[in-house]
Amino acid sequence: MAAWPLPDGRGSEGQRYGRVHWVAIVPEMQGKGLSKPMLSVVLDRLRELGHGRAYLTTNTVRTAAINLYLKFGFAPDIRAPHEVGAWRDVRAQIKPEYWVRAAAAVPELAT
């Protein structure tokens, strides 16, 4: 797992954003509960470095990862109309309690 600050160090709300990048676990170690502690360590370190928020990118085929990210409080950042459809397409694979969080952040997902 790797993380770093945004080049200008600031997000749109004036908070320092850190980027979580390359979240990966080798296949033989997947499913052993390692992603939660790894992501916790990275987010704690970003916080120690003064980043009030973090962001990451993924794609909708990685539904296990999306569930993890939603559990940690990440929310969808819809930038184009087709992205709403992509999120709706994976709704069945997203845990209901996490979908509620995503829909709260992005009202277009609630319909």
N, C-alpha and C. Protein backbone atom coordinates (compact mmCIF):
# COMPACT_ATOMS: atom_id res chain seq x y z
N MET A 1 0.85 -1.16 0.00
CA MET A 1 0.00 0.00 0.00
C MET A 1 0.90 1.22 0.00
N ALA A 2 0.51 2.22 -0.73
CA ALA A 2 1.27 3.46 -0.80
C ALA A 2 0.31 4.63 -0.64
N ALA A 3 0.81 5.74 -0.11
CA ALA A 3 0.00 6.93 0.05
C ALA A 3 0.89 8.16 0.01
N TRP A 4 0.34 9.27 -0.44
CA TRP A 4 1.08 10.52 -0.48
C TRP A 4 0.11 11.68 -0.54
N PRO A 5 0.59 12.90 -0.25
CA PRO A 5 -0.29 14.07 -0.32
C PRO A 5 -0.54 14.48 -1.76
N LEU A 6 -1.60 15.24 -1.96
CA LEU A 6 -1.84 15.85 -3.26
C LEU A 6 -0.69 16.80 -3.58
N PRO A 7 -0.41 17.02 -4.85
CA PRO A 7 0.71 17.90 -5.20
C PRO A 7 0.65 19.27 -4.53
N ASP A 8 -0.55 19.87 -4.46
CA ASP A 8 -0.65 21.17 -3.81
C ASP A 8 -0.98 21.05 -2.33
N GLY A 9 -1.24 19.81 -1.89
CA GLY A 9 -1.47 19.55 -0.47
C GLY A 9 -2.82 19.98 0.05
N ARG A 10 -3.69 20.49 -0.81
CA ARG A 10 -4.98 21.00 -0.33
C ARG A 10 -6.13 20.44 -1.15
N GLY A 11 -7.22 20.20 -0.48
CA GLY A 11 -8.45 19.80 -1.16
C GLY A 11 -9.35 21.00 -1.35
N SER A 12 -10.52 20.77 -1.88
CA SER A 12 -11.42 21.86 -2.22
C SER A 12 -11.95 22.59 -0.99
N GLU A 13 -11.97 21.96 0.16
CA GLU A 13 -12.46 22.61 1.39
C GLU A 13 -11.32 23.23 2.20
N GLY A 14 -10.13 23.31 1.63
CA GLY A 14 -9.00 23.89 2.34
C GLY A 14 -8.31 22.92 3.28
N GLN A 15 -8.78 21.67 3.35
CA GLN A 15 -8.13 20.67 4.18
C GLN A 15 -7.03 19.99 3.38
N ARG A 16 -6.04 19.52 4.11
CA ARG A 16 -4.97 18.76 3.44
C ARG A 16 -5.49 17.35 3.13
N TYR A 17 -5.36 16.95 1.89
CA TYR A 17 -5.78 15.63 1.43
C TYR A 17 -4.56 14.75 1.24
N GLY A 18 -4.67 13.51 1.67
CA GLY A 18 -3.67 12.51 1.35
C GLY A 18 -4.29 11.52 0.37
N ARG A 19 -3.49 10.96 -0.49
CA ARG A 19 -3.98 9.99 -1.46
C ARG A 19 -3.56 8.59 -1.06
N VAL A 20 -4.52 7.70 -1.01
CA VAL A 20 -4.25 6.28 -0.78
C VAL A 20 -4.13 5.65 -2.17
N HIS A 21 -3.02 4.97 -2.41
CA HIS A 21 -2.74 4.47 -3.75
C HIS A 21 -2.16 3.06 -3.67
N TRP A 22 -2.46 2.25 -4.65
CA TRP A 22 -1.94 0.89 -4.74
C TRP A 22 -2.30 0.04 -3.52
N VAL A 23 -3.57 -0.08 -3.29
CA VAL A 23 -4.05 -0.97 -2.24
C VAL A 23 -4.08 -2.37 -2.85
N ALA A 24 -3.20 -3.23 -2.39
CA ALA A 24 -3.12 -4.57 -2.97
C ALA A 24 -2.57 -5.57 -1.97
N ILE A 25 -3.07 -6.77 -2.06
CA ILE A 25 -2.58 -7.87 -1.24
C ILE A 25 -2.35 -9.04 -2.19
N VAL A 26 -1.23 -9.70 -2.07
CA VAL A 26 -0.94 -10.82 -2.96
C VAL A 26 -2.06 -11.86 -2.85
N PRO A 27 -2.38 -12.51 -3.95
CA PRO A 27 -3.54 -13.41 -3.97
C PRO A 27 -3.56 -14.46 -2.85
N GLU A 28 -2.42 -15.05 -2.55
CA GLU A 28 -2.44 -16.11 -1.52
C GLU A 28 -2.72 -15.58 -0.12
N MET A 29 -2.65 -14.27 0.08
CA MET A 29 -2.93 -13.68 1.40
C MET A 29 -4.28 -12.98 1.45
N GLN A 30 -4.99 -12.93 0.33
CA GLN A 30 -6.30 -12.30 0.29
C GLN A 30 -7.30 -13.10 1.11
N GLY A 31 -8.26 -12.41 1.67
CA GLY A 31 -9.30 -13.07 2.46
C GLY A 31 -8.88 -13.39 3.88
N LYS A 32 -7.75 -12.90 4.32
CA LYS A 32 -7.25 -13.17 5.67
C LYS A 32 -7.40 -11.97 6.61
N GLY A 33 -8.15 -10.96 6.17
CA GLY A 33 -8.40 -9.80 7.02
C GLY A 33 -7.26 -8.82 7.10
N LEU A 34 -6.36 -8.82 6.12
CA LEU A 34 -5.19 -7.93 6.18
C LEU A 34 -5.48 -6.52 5.68
N SER A 35 -6.47 -6.36 4.83
CA SER A 35 -6.70 -5.03 4.24
C SER A 35 -7.16 -4.02 5.27
N LYS A 36 -7.95 -4.42 6.25
CA LYS A 36 -8.43 -3.48 7.26
C LYS A 36 -7.29 -2.90 8.08
N PRO A 37 -6.42 -3.72 8.66
CA PRO A 37 -5.32 -3.11 9.42
C PRO A 37 -4.36 -2.32 8.54
N MET A 38 -4.13 -2.76 7.30
CA MET A 38 -3.24 -2.01 6.41
C MET A 38 -3.82 -0.63 6.11
N LEU A 39 -5.10 -0.57 5.78
CA LEU A 39 -5.72 0.71 5.48
C LEU A 39 -5.75 1.59 6.73
N SER A 40 -5.98 1.00 7.88
CA SER A 40 -5.97 1.77 9.14
C SER A 40 -4.62 2.42 9.38
N VAL A 41 -3.55 1.67 9.17
CA VAL A 41 -2.21 2.21 9.38
C VAL A 41 -1.94 3.36 8.42
N VAL A 42 -2.30 3.20 7.16
CA VAL A 42 -2.07 4.25 6.17
C VAL A 42 -2.87 5.50 6.53
N LEU A 43 -4.13 5.35 6.89
CA LEU A 43 -4.94 6.51 7.23
C LEU A 43 -4.44 7.19 8.51
N ASP A 44 -4.01 6.39 9.48
CA ASP A 44 -3.43 6.98 10.70
C ASP A 44 -2.18 7.78 10.37
N ARG A 45 -1.35 7.25 9.48
CA ARG A 45 -0.11 7.95 9.11
C ARG A 45 -0.43 9.24 8.36
N LEU A 46 -1.38 9.21 7.46
CA LEU A 46 -1.77 10.44 6.76
C LEU A 46 -2.28 11.48 7.76
N ARG A 47 -3.04 11.02 8.74
CA ARG A 47 -3.54 11.93 9.78
C ARG A 47 -2.37 12.53 10.57
N GLU A 48 -1.39 11.70 10.93
CA GLU A 48 -0.20 12.19 11.64
C GLU A 48 0.55 13.24 10.83
N LEU A 49 0.50 13.10 9.52
CA LEU A 49 1.19 14.05 8.64
C LEU A 49 0.37 15.31 8.38
N GLY A 50 -0.79 15.40 9.01
CA GLY A 50 -1.60 16.61 8.91
C GLY A 50 -2.67 16.62 7.84
N HIS A 51 -2.97 15.47 7.31
CA HIS A 51 -4.01 15.39 6.28
C HIS A 51 -5.35 15.15 6.93
N GLY A 52 -6.25 16.12 6.79
CA GLY A 52 -7.57 16.02 7.39
C GLY A 52 -8.50 15.07 6.64
N ARG A 53 -8.15 14.79 5.39
CA ARG A 53 -8.98 13.91 4.56
C ARG A 53 -8.07 13.07 3.67
N ALA A 54 -8.64 12.00 3.17
CA ALA A 54 -7.91 11.15 2.23
C ALA A 54 -8.82 10.83 1.06
N TYR A 55 -8.21 10.51 -0.06
CA TYR A 55 -9.00 10.07 -1.20
C TYR A 55 -8.29 8.91 -1.87
N LEU A 56 -9.04 8.18 -2.66
CA LEU A 56 -8.50 7.08 -3.45
C LEU A 56 -9.38 6.91 -4.67
N THR A 57 -8.89 6.15 -5.61
CA THR A 57 -9.70 5.83 -6.79
C THR A 57 -9.75 4.31 -6.92
N THR A 58 -10.82 3.85 -7.52
CA THR A 58 -10.99 2.42 -7.79
C THR A 58 -11.94 2.30 -8.96
N ASN A 59 -12.32 1.09 -9.29
CA ASN A 59 -13.34 0.90 -10.32
C ASN A 59 -14.40 -0.04 -9.80
N THR A 60 -15.54 -0.05 -10.47
CA THR A 60 -16.69 -0.76 -9.94
C THR A 60 -16.59 -2.29 -10.00
N VAL A 61 -15.58 -2.84 -10.64
CA VAL A 61 -15.43 -4.30 -10.61
C VAL A 61 -14.80 -4.76 -9.30
N ARG A 62 -14.26 -3.85 -8.53
CA ARG A 62 -13.60 -4.21 -7.27
C ARG A 62 -14.57 -4.02 -6.09
N THR A 63 -15.66 -4.75 -6.10
CA THR A 63 -16.71 -4.53 -5.11
C THR A 63 -16.27 -4.86 -3.69
N ALA A 64 -15.39 -5.84 -3.50
CA ALA A 64 -14.89 -6.11 -2.14
C ALA A 64 -14.13 -4.90 -1.61
N ALA A 65 -13.32 -4.31 -2.47
CA ALA A 65 -12.58 -3.11 -2.08
C ALA A 65 -13.53 -1.94 -1.82
N ILE A 66 -14.54 -1.79 -2.66
CA ILE A 66 -15.51 -0.70 -2.47
C ILE A 66 -16.20 -0.85 -1.13
N ASN A 67 -16.60 -2.06 -0.78
CA ASN A 67 -17.22 -2.27 0.54
C ASN A 67 -16.27 -1.85 1.66
N LEU A 68 -15.01 -2.20 1.54
CA LEU A 68 -14.03 -1.81 2.56
C LEU A 68 -13.91 -0.29 2.63
N TYR A 69 -13.79 0.36 1.49
CA TYR A 69 -13.62 1.81 1.48
C TYR A 69 -14.85 2.52 2.06
N LEU A 70 -16.04 2.04 1.71
CA LEU A 70 -17.25 2.63 2.27
C LEU A 70 -17.30 2.41 3.78
N LYS A 71 -16.87 1.24 4.24
CA LYS A 71 -16.84 0.96 5.67
C LYS A 71 -15.93 1.95 6.40
N PHE A 72 -14.84 2.34 5.77
CA PHE A 72 -13.90 3.27 6.36
C PHE A 72 -14.33 4.73 6.23
N GLY A 73 -15.48 4.96 5.60
CA GLY A 73 -16.00 6.33 5.52
C GLY A 73 -15.74 7.04 4.21
N PHE A 74 -15.11 6.37 3.26
CA PHE A 74 -14.96 6.97 1.94
C PHE A 74 -16.33 7.03 1.28
N ALA A 75 -16.51 7.99 0.39
CA ALA A 75 -17.79 8.15 -0.30
C ALA A 75 -17.54 8.32 -1.78
N PRO A 76 -18.51 7.93 -2.60
CA PRO A 76 -18.34 8.12 -4.04
C PRO A 76 -18.19 9.60 -4.39
N ASP A 77 -17.41 9.86 -5.39
CA ASP A 77 -17.24 11.21 -5.93
C ASP A 77 -17.67 11.15 -7.39
N ILE A 78 -18.93 11.40 -7.61
CA ILE A 78 -19.52 11.30 -8.95
C ILE A 78 -19.13 12.53 -9.75
N ARG A 79 -18.43 12.31 -10.84
CA ARG A 79 -17.97 13.42 -11.67
C ARG A 79 -18.61 13.46 -13.05
N ALA A 80 -19.34 12.41 -13.41
CA ALA A 80 -20.00 12.36 -14.71
C ALA A 80 -21.28 11.55 -14.59
N PRO A 81 -22.28 11.86 -15.37
CA PRO A 81 -23.57 11.15 -15.26
C PRO A 81 -23.47 9.63 -15.37
N HIS A 82 -22.60 9.12 -16.23
CA HIS A 82 -22.49 7.66 -16.39
C HIS A 82 -22.00 6.97 -15.13
N GLU A 83 -21.34 7.71 -14.25
CA GLU A 83 -20.83 7.10 -13.01
C GLU A 83 -21.96 6.72 -12.07
N VAL A 84 -23.07 7.45 -12.11
CA VAL A 84 -24.23 7.08 -11.29
C VAL A 84 -24.71 5.71 -11.73
N GLY A 85 -24.80 5.49 -13.02
CA GLY A 85 -25.21 4.18 -13.54
C GLY A 85 -24.25 3.07 -13.16
N ALA A 86 -22.97 3.36 -13.18
CA ALA A 86 -21.97 2.35 -12.80
C ALA A 86 -22.16 1.95 -11.34
N TRP A 87 -22.41 2.93 -10.48
CA TRP A 87 -22.65 2.61 -9.07
C TRP A 87 -23.94 1.81 -8.91
N ARG A 88 -24.97 2.19 -9.61
CA ARG A 88 -26.23 1.43 -9.52
C ARG A 88 -26.05 -0.01 -10.00
N ASP A 89 -25.20 -0.21 -11.00
CA ASP A 89 -24.95 -1.55 -11.53
C ASP A 89 -24.34 -2.48 -10.48
N VAL A 90 -23.59 -1.95 -9.53
CA VAL A 90 -22.95 -2.81 -8.52
C VAL A 90 -23.69 -2.81 -7.19
N ARG A 91 -24.82 -2.15 -7.14
CA ARG A 91 -25.54 -2.03 -5.86
C ARG A 91 -25.77 -3.38 -5.18
N ALA A 92 -26.09 -4.42 -5.93
CA ALA A 92 -26.36 -5.73 -5.33
C ALA A 92 -25.14 -6.32 -4.62
N GLN A 93 -23.93 -5.89 -4.99
CA GLN A 93 -22.72 -6.40 -4.35
C GLN A 93 -22.24 -5.52 -3.19
N ILE A 94 -22.90 -4.42 -2.96
CA ILE A 94 -22.51 -3.51 -1.88
C ILE A 94 -23.39 -3.83 -0.67
N LYS A 95 -22.77 -3.95 0.49
CA LYS A 95 -23.51 -4.23 1.71
C LYS A 95 -24.54 -3.11 1.94
N PRO A 96 -25.76 -3.48 2.33
CA PRO A 96 -26.82 -2.47 2.45
C PRO A 96 -26.46 -1.27 3.33
N GLU A 97 -25.79 -1.52 4.46
CA GLU A 97 -25.45 -0.40 5.33
C GLU A 97 -24.43 0.54 4.68
N TYR A 98 -23.60 0.00 3.81
CA TYR A 98 -22.63 0.83 3.11
C TYR A 98 -23.29 1.57 1.95
N TRP A 99 -24.28 0.93 1.31
CA TRP A 99 -25.00 1.60 0.24
C TRP A 99 -25.74 2.82 0.79
N VAL A 100 -26.29 2.69 1.99
CA VAL A 100 -26.99 3.82 2.61
C VAL A 100 -26.01 4.99 2.79
N ARG A 101 -24.79 4.71 3.20
CA ARG A 101 -23.77 5.77 3.35
C ARG A 101 -23.44 6.41 2.01
N ALA A 102 -23.30 5.57 0.97
CA ALA A 102 -22.98 6.09 -0.35
C ALA A 102 -24.13 6.97 -0.85
N ALA A 103 -25.35 6.52 -0.65
CA ALA A 103 -26.51 7.29 -1.11
C ALA A 103 -26.68 8.58 -0.31
N ALA A 104 -26.27 8.57 0.95
CA ALA A 104 -26.33 9.80 1.74
C ALA A 104 -25.34 10.83 1.20
N ALA A 105 -24.21 10.36 0.71
CA ALA A 105 -23.19 11.26 0.16
C ALA A 105 -23.54 11.71 -1.26
N VAL A 106 -24.22 10.83 -1.98
CA VAL A 106 -24.58 11.10 -3.38
C VAL A 106 -26.07 10.84 -3.54
N PRO A 107 -26.92 11.86 -3.35
CA PRO A 107 -28.37 11.67 -3.39
C PRO A 107 -28.88 11.00 -4.67
N GLU A 108 -28.18 11.15 -5.79
CA GLU A 108 -28.62 10.52 -7.04
C GLU A 108 -28.65 8.99 -6.92
N LEU A 109 -27.90 8.43 -6.00
CA LEU A 109 -27.87 6.98 -5.82
C LEU A 109 -29.09 6.48 -5.06
N ALA A 110 -29.78 7.35 -4.36
CA ALA A 110 -30.91 6.95 -3.54
C ALA A 110 -32.15 6.62 -4.38
N THR A 111 -32.17 7.05 -5.62
CA THR A 111 -33.37 6.82 -6.44
C THR A 111 -33.28 5.53 -7.20
